Amino acid sequence: GSQAPTLAPMEEWEIRKIQQDAQKAEKKAEKEKKESEIQARKDLEKTGLKDHKKLAECKEKLKEMDAIKEKDWDELTEDDEAALEGEVELRAVIAELEKKCKD
């Protein structure tokens, strides 16, 4: 009867190669993780800038609304009234953005 081939024990260089490959994979994964963290920070800074810009725009709109409020009620046009309707919402947006921009 023929014998089933037995698996030869692994050569030392084969074991070392497997270990090196595992280390390379680990280092690559670490590098990718760092890069994605850096990208996330960059994205955050970008949205932060957008938030600051939006905050400035909202505050500008609020100033315009305050100017409209200076008018006597009988001087208000329909446009003025429409502009003032969004004030509460605008103040909420500003509060939210100010919280975001503080961090």
N, C-alpha and C. Protein backbone atom coordinates (compact mmCIF):
# COMPACT_ATOMS: atom_id res chain seq x y z
N GLY A 1 0.82 -1.20 0.00
CA GLY A 1 0.00 0.00 0.00
C GLY A 1 0.86 1.25 0.00
N SER A 2 0.39 2.22 -0.79
CA SER A 2 1.17 3.47 -0.82
C SER A 2 0.79 4.34 0.37
N GLN A 3 1.78 5.06 0.84
CA GLN A 3 1.56 5.91 2.00
C GLN A 3 1.04 7.28 1.55
N ALA A 4 0.15 7.87 2.33
CA ALA A 4 -0.30 9.23 2.04
C ALA A 4 0.87 10.17 2.30
N PRO A 5 1.06 11.17 1.43
CA PRO A 5 2.20 12.07 1.66
C PRO A 5 2.03 12.84 2.97
N THR A 6 3.06 12.88 3.75
CA THR A 6 2.97 13.63 5.01
C THR A 6 3.44 15.05 4.74
N LEU A 7 2.85 15.98 5.46
CA LEU A 7 3.24 17.37 5.28
C LEU A 7 4.60 17.58 5.92
N ALA A 8 5.51 18.08 5.15
CA ALA A 8 6.83 18.35 5.69
C ALA A 8 6.73 19.52 6.64
N PRO A 9 7.50 19.51 7.73
CA PRO A 9 7.45 20.67 8.62
C PRO A 9 7.89 21.91 7.85
N MET A 10 7.32 23.03 8.21
CA MET A 10 7.63 24.26 7.49
C MET A 10 9.08 24.65 7.71
N GLU A 11 9.65 25.17 6.66
CA GLU A 11 11.02 25.66 6.77
C GLU A 11 11.01 26.94 7.61
N GLU A 12 12.14 27.23 8.22
CA GLU A 12 12.22 28.42 9.05
C GLU A 12 11.95 29.69 8.23
N TRP A 13 12.48 29.73 7.00
CA TRP A 13 12.29 30.93 6.17
C TRP A 13 10.81 31.13 5.83
N GLU A 14 10.06 29.99 5.71
CA GLU A 14 8.63 30.10 5.42
C GLU A 14 7.90 30.73 6.61
N ILE A 15 8.28 30.28 7.80
CA ILE A 15 7.67 30.82 9.02
C ILE A 15 7.97 32.32 9.13
N ARG A 16 9.25 32.68 8.88
CA ARG A 16 9.63 34.09 8.95
C ARG A 16 8.85 34.93 7.94
N LYS A 17 8.66 34.37 6.73
CA LYS A 17 7.94 35.11 5.69
C LYS A 17 6.49 35.37 6.13
N ILE A 18 5.87 34.37 6.69
CA ILE A 18 4.48 34.51 7.16
C ILE A 18 4.42 35.60 8.25
N GLN A 19 5.40 35.57 9.17
CA GLN A 19 5.42 36.57 10.23
C GLN A 19 5.64 37.97 9.67
N GLN A 20 6.54 38.09 8.69
CA GLN A 20 6.81 39.40 8.08
C GLN A 20 5.56 39.92 7.35
N ASP A 21 4.90 39.02 6.63
CA ASP A 21 3.68 39.43 5.91
C ASP A 21 2.63 39.94 6.89
N ALA A 22 2.50 39.25 8.02
CA ALA A 22 1.52 39.65 9.03
C ALA A 22 1.88 41.03 9.59
N GLN A 23 3.17 41.26 9.84
CA GLN A 23 3.61 42.56 10.35
C GLN A 23 3.35 43.66 9.33
N LYS A 24 3.64 43.37 8.05
CA LYS A 24 3.41 44.36 6.99
C LYS A 24 1.93 44.73 6.95
N ALA A 25 1.07 43.72 7.00
CA ALA A 25 -0.37 43.96 6.93
C ALA A 25 -0.81 44.82 8.12
N GLU A 26 -0.23 44.53 9.29
CA GLU A 26 -0.58 45.29 10.49
C GLU A 26 -0.16 46.75 10.35
N LYS A 27 1.07 46.97 9.87
CA LYS A 27 1.57 48.33 9.68
C LYS A 27 0.72 49.08 8.66
N LYS A 28 0.34 48.40 7.60
CA LYS A 28 -0.47 49.02 6.55
C LYS A 28 -1.82 49.45 7.13
N ALA A 29 -2.43 48.56 7.92
CA ALA A 29 -3.72 48.86 8.53
C ALA A 29 -3.59 50.07 9.47
N GLU A 30 -2.49 50.13 10.23
CA GLU A 30 -2.27 51.26 11.14
C GLU A 30 -2.14 52.55 10.36
N LYS A 31 -1.37 52.50 9.26
CA LYS A 31 -1.14 53.69 8.43
C LYS A 31 -2.47 54.18 7.86
N GLU A 32 -3.28 53.24 7.35
CA GLU A 32 -4.58 53.62 6.77
C GLU A 32 -5.49 54.25 7.82
N LYS A 33 -5.43 53.70 9.04
CA LYS A 33 -6.27 54.24 10.12
C LYS A 33 -5.85 55.68 10.42
N LYS A 34 -4.53 55.90 10.51
CA LYS A 34 -4.03 57.26 10.77
C LYS A 34 -4.47 58.21 9.67
N GLU A 35 -4.32 57.77 8.41
CA GLU A 35 -4.69 58.62 7.28
C GLU A 35 -6.17 58.96 7.30
N SER A 36 -7.01 58.00 7.66
CA SER A 36 -8.45 58.28 7.68
C SER A 36 -8.78 59.23 8.83
N GLU A 37 -8.03 59.14 9.94
CA GLU A 37 -8.26 60.08 11.05
C GLU A 37 -7.88 61.49 10.63
N ILE A 38 -6.75 61.61 9.91
CA ILE A 38 -6.31 62.92 9.43
C ILE A 38 -7.35 63.49 8.47
N GLN A 39 -7.86 62.65 7.57
CA GLN A 39 -8.88 63.09 6.61
C GLN A 39 -10.14 63.54 7.35
N ALA A 40 -10.52 62.80 8.36
CA ALA A 40 -11.71 63.15 9.13
C ALA A 40 -11.54 64.52 9.78
N ARG A 41 -10.32 64.76 10.29
CA ARG A 41 -10.05 66.06 10.92
C ARG A 41 -10.13 67.17 9.88
N LYS A 42 -9.58 66.93 8.68
CA LYS A 42 -9.62 67.93 7.61
C LYS A 42 -11.07 68.23 7.23
N ASP A 43 -11.87 67.16 7.10
CA ASP A 43 -13.28 67.34 6.75
C ASP A 43 -13.99 68.17 7.81
N LEU A 44 -13.66 67.88 9.07
CA LEU A 44 -14.27 68.59 10.19
C LEU A 44 -13.91 70.07 10.11
N GLU A 45 -12.63 70.36 9.82
CA GLU A 45 -12.20 71.75 9.71
C GLU A 45 -12.95 72.44 8.57
N LYS A 46 -13.12 71.71 7.45
CA LYS A 46 -13.82 72.28 6.31
C LYS A 46 -15.26 72.62 6.68
N THR A 47 -15.96 71.67 7.32
CA THR A 47 -17.34 71.94 7.71
C THR A 47 -17.36 73.03 8.76
N GLY A 48 -16.32 73.07 9.60
CA GLY A 48 -16.22 74.13 10.59
C GLY A 48 -16.18 75.49 9.92
N LEU A 49 -15.39 75.59 8.85
CA LEU A 49 -15.31 76.86 8.12
C LEU A 49 -16.67 77.21 7.52
N LYS A 50 -17.32 76.20 6.96
CA LYS A 50 -18.66 76.42 6.37
C LYS A 50 -19.61 76.92 7.45
N ASP A 51 -19.52 76.29 8.64
CA ASP A 51 -20.40 76.69 9.74
C ASP A 51 -20.14 78.14 10.14
N HIS A 52 -18.86 78.52 10.21
CA HIS A 52 -18.53 79.91 10.58
C HIS A 52 -19.09 80.89 9.56
N LYS A 53 -18.96 80.52 8.27
CA LYS A 53 -19.47 81.37 7.19
C LYS A 53 -20.99 81.49 7.30
N LYS A 54 -21.64 80.34 7.50
CA LYS A 54 -23.10 80.32 7.60
C LYS A 54 -23.55 81.14 8.82
N LEU A 55 -22.81 81.01 9.91
CA LEU A 55 -23.13 81.74 11.13
C LEU A 55 -23.09 83.25 10.85
N ALA A 56 -22.03 83.67 10.16
CA ALA A 56 -21.90 85.09 9.83
C ALA A 56 -23.07 85.55 8.96
N GLU A 57 -23.44 84.72 7.98
CA GLU A 57 -24.57 85.07 7.09
C GLU A 57 -25.87 85.18 7.89
N CYS A 58 -26.09 84.23 8.80
CA CYS A 58 -27.31 84.24 9.60
C CYS A 58 -27.38 85.47 10.49
N LYS A 59 -26.23 85.83 11.07
CA LYS A 59 -26.21 87.02 11.94
C LYS A 59 -26.50 88.28 11.11
N GLU A 60 -26.02 88.28 9.87
CA GLU A 60 -26.27 89.41 8.98
C GLU A 60 -27.77 89.53 8.71
N LYS A 61 -28.41 88.37 8.43
CA LYS A 61 -29.86 88.37 8.19
C LYS A 61 -30.61 88.88 9.41
N LEU A 62 -30.13 88.47 10.58
CA LEU A 62 -30.77 88.88 11.82
C LEU A 62 -30.68 90.40 11.99
N LYS A 63 -29.54 90.99 11.61
CA LYS A 63 -29.38 92.45 11.67
C LYS A 63 -30.41 93.12 10.78
N GLU A 64 -30.60 92.52 9.58
CA GLU A 64 -31.60 93.07 8.65
C GLU A 64 -32.98 93.01 9.27
N MET A 65 -33.28 91.91 9.93
CA MET A 65 -34.58 91.77 10.59
C MET A 65 -34.75 92.82 11.68
N ASP A 66 -33.67 93.04 12.44
CA ASP A 66 -33.74 94.04 13.50
C ASP A 66 -34.02 95.42 12.91
N ALA A 67 -33.43 95.69 11.74
CA ALA A 67 -33.67 96.97 11.07
C ALA A 67 -35.14 97.09 10.67
N ILE A 68 -35.70 95.98 10.20
CA ILE A 68 -37.12 95.97 9.81
C ILE A 68 -37.98 96.25 11.04
N LYS A 69 -37.59 95.67 12.18
CA LYS A 69 -38.37 95.85 13.40
C LYS A 69 -38.36 97.29 13.89
N GLU A 70 -37.37 98.05 13.46
CA GLU A 70 -37.29 99.47 13.84
C GLU A 70 -38.45 100.28 13.22
N LYS A 71 -38.95 99.76 12.09
CA LYS A 71 -40.05 100.46 11.40
C LYS A 71 -41.30 100.41 12.28
N ASP A 72 -42.16 101.39 12.10
CA ASP A 72 -43.46 101.34 12.77
C ASP A 72 -44.28 100.25 12.11
N TRP A 73 -45.17 99.64 12.89
CA TRP A 73 -45.92 98.50 12.36
C TRP A 73 -46.72 98.86 11.12
N ASP A 74 -47.16 100.12 11.01
CA ASP A 74 -47.94 100.50 9.83
C ASP A 74 -47.05 100.77 8.60
N GLU A 75 -45.72 100.79 8.79
CA GLU A 75 -44.81 100.96 7.66
C GLU A 75 -44.38 99.62 7.07
N LEU A 76 -44.66 98.54 7.78
CA LEU A 76 -44.20 97.22 7.34
C LEU A 76 -44.89 96.80 6.06
N THR A 77 -44.10 96.29 5.13
CA THR A 77 -44.65 95.75 3.89
C THR A 77 -44.86 94.26 4.08
N GLU A 78 -45.50 93.64 3.11
CA GLU A 78 -45.69 92.19 3.17
C GLU A 78 -44.33 91.47 3.19
N ASP A 79 -43.38 92.01 2.40
CA ASP A 79 -42.03 91.42 2.36
C ASP A 79 -41.38 91.48 3.73
N ASP A 80 -41.55 92.62 4.40
CA ASP A 80 -40.97 92.78 5.73
C ASP A 80 -41.55 91.73 6.67
N GLU A 81 -42.87 91.59 6.62
CA GLU A 81 -43.53 90.63 7.50
C GLU A 81 -43.06 89.21 7.19
N ALA A 82 -42.91 88.90 5.90
CA ALA A 82 -42.44 87.58 5.49
C ALA A 82 -41.02 87.35 6.01
N ALA A 83 -40.19 88.39 5.93
CA ALA A 83 -38.82 88.29 6.39
C ALA A 83 -38.79 88.02 7.90
N LEU A 84 -39.67 88.67 8.62
CA LEU A 84 -39.67 88.53 10.08
C LEU A 84 -40.20 87.17 10.54
N GLU A 85 -41.00 86.52 9.69
CA GLU A 85 -41.56 85.22 10.07
C GLU A 85 -40.48 84.19 10.37
N GLY A 86 -39.35 84.27 9.65
CA GLY A 86 -38.30 83.28 9.84
C GLY A 86 -37.37 83.56 11.01
N GLU A 87 -37.67 84.61 11.78
CA GLU A 87 -36.74 85.03 12.83
C GLU A 87 -36.50 83.96 13.89
N VAL A 88 -37.56 83.36 14.38
CA VAL A 88 -37.41 82.36 15.45
C VAL A 88 -36.53 81.21 14.97
N GLU A 89 -36.84 80.76 13.76
CA GLU A 89 -36.07 79.66 13.18
C GLU A 89 -34.60 80.08 13.00
N LEU A 90 -34.39 81.31 12.51
CA LEU A 90 -33.04 81.82 12.29
C LEU A 90 -32.27 81.87 13.61
N ARG A 91 -32.93 82.33 14.67
CA ARG A 91 -32.26 82.39 15.98
C ARG A 91 -31.87 80.99 16.44
N ALA A 92 -32.71 80.01 16.15
CA ALA A 92 -32.40 78.62 16.53
C ALA A 92 -31.18 78.12 15.75
N VAL A 93 -31.13 78.44 14.45
CA VAL A 93 -30.01 78.04 13.61
C VAL A 93 -28.72 78.67 14.13
N ILE A 94 -28.80 79.95 14.46
CA ILE A 94 -27.62 80.66 14.97
C ILE A 94 -27.13 80.02 16.27
N ALA A 95 -28.06 79.71 17.16
CA ALA A 95 -27.68 79.08 18.44
C ALA A 95 -26.97 77.76 18.19
N GLU A 96 -27.51 76.98 17.26
CA GLU A 96 -26.94 75.67 16.91
C GLU A 96 -25.52 75.85 16.34
N LEU A 97 -25.37 76.79 15.41
CA LEU A 97 -24.06 77.03 14.78
C LEU A 97 -23.05 77.55 15.79
N GLU A 98 -23.51 78.41 16.70
CA GLU A 98 -22.57 78.93 17.71
C GLU A 98 -22.05 77.81 18.58
N LYS A 99 -22.92 76.85 18.90
CA LYS A 99 -22.47 75.68 19.68
C LYS A 99 -21.42 74.91 18.91
N LYS A 100 -21.68 74.67 17.63
CA LYS A 100 -20.76 73.91 16.77
C LYS A 100 -19.42 74.63 16.64
N CYS A 101 -19.47 75.93 16.44
CA CYS A 101 -18.26 76.70 16.17
C CYS A 101 -17.39 76.90 17.40
N LYS A 102 -17.97 76.72 18.59
CA LYS A 102 -17.21 76.89 19.82
C LYS A 102 -16.18 75.78 19.99
N ASP A 103 -16.55 74.57 19.60
CA ASP A 103 -15.67 73.40 19.82
C ASP A 103 -14.35 73.53 19.09
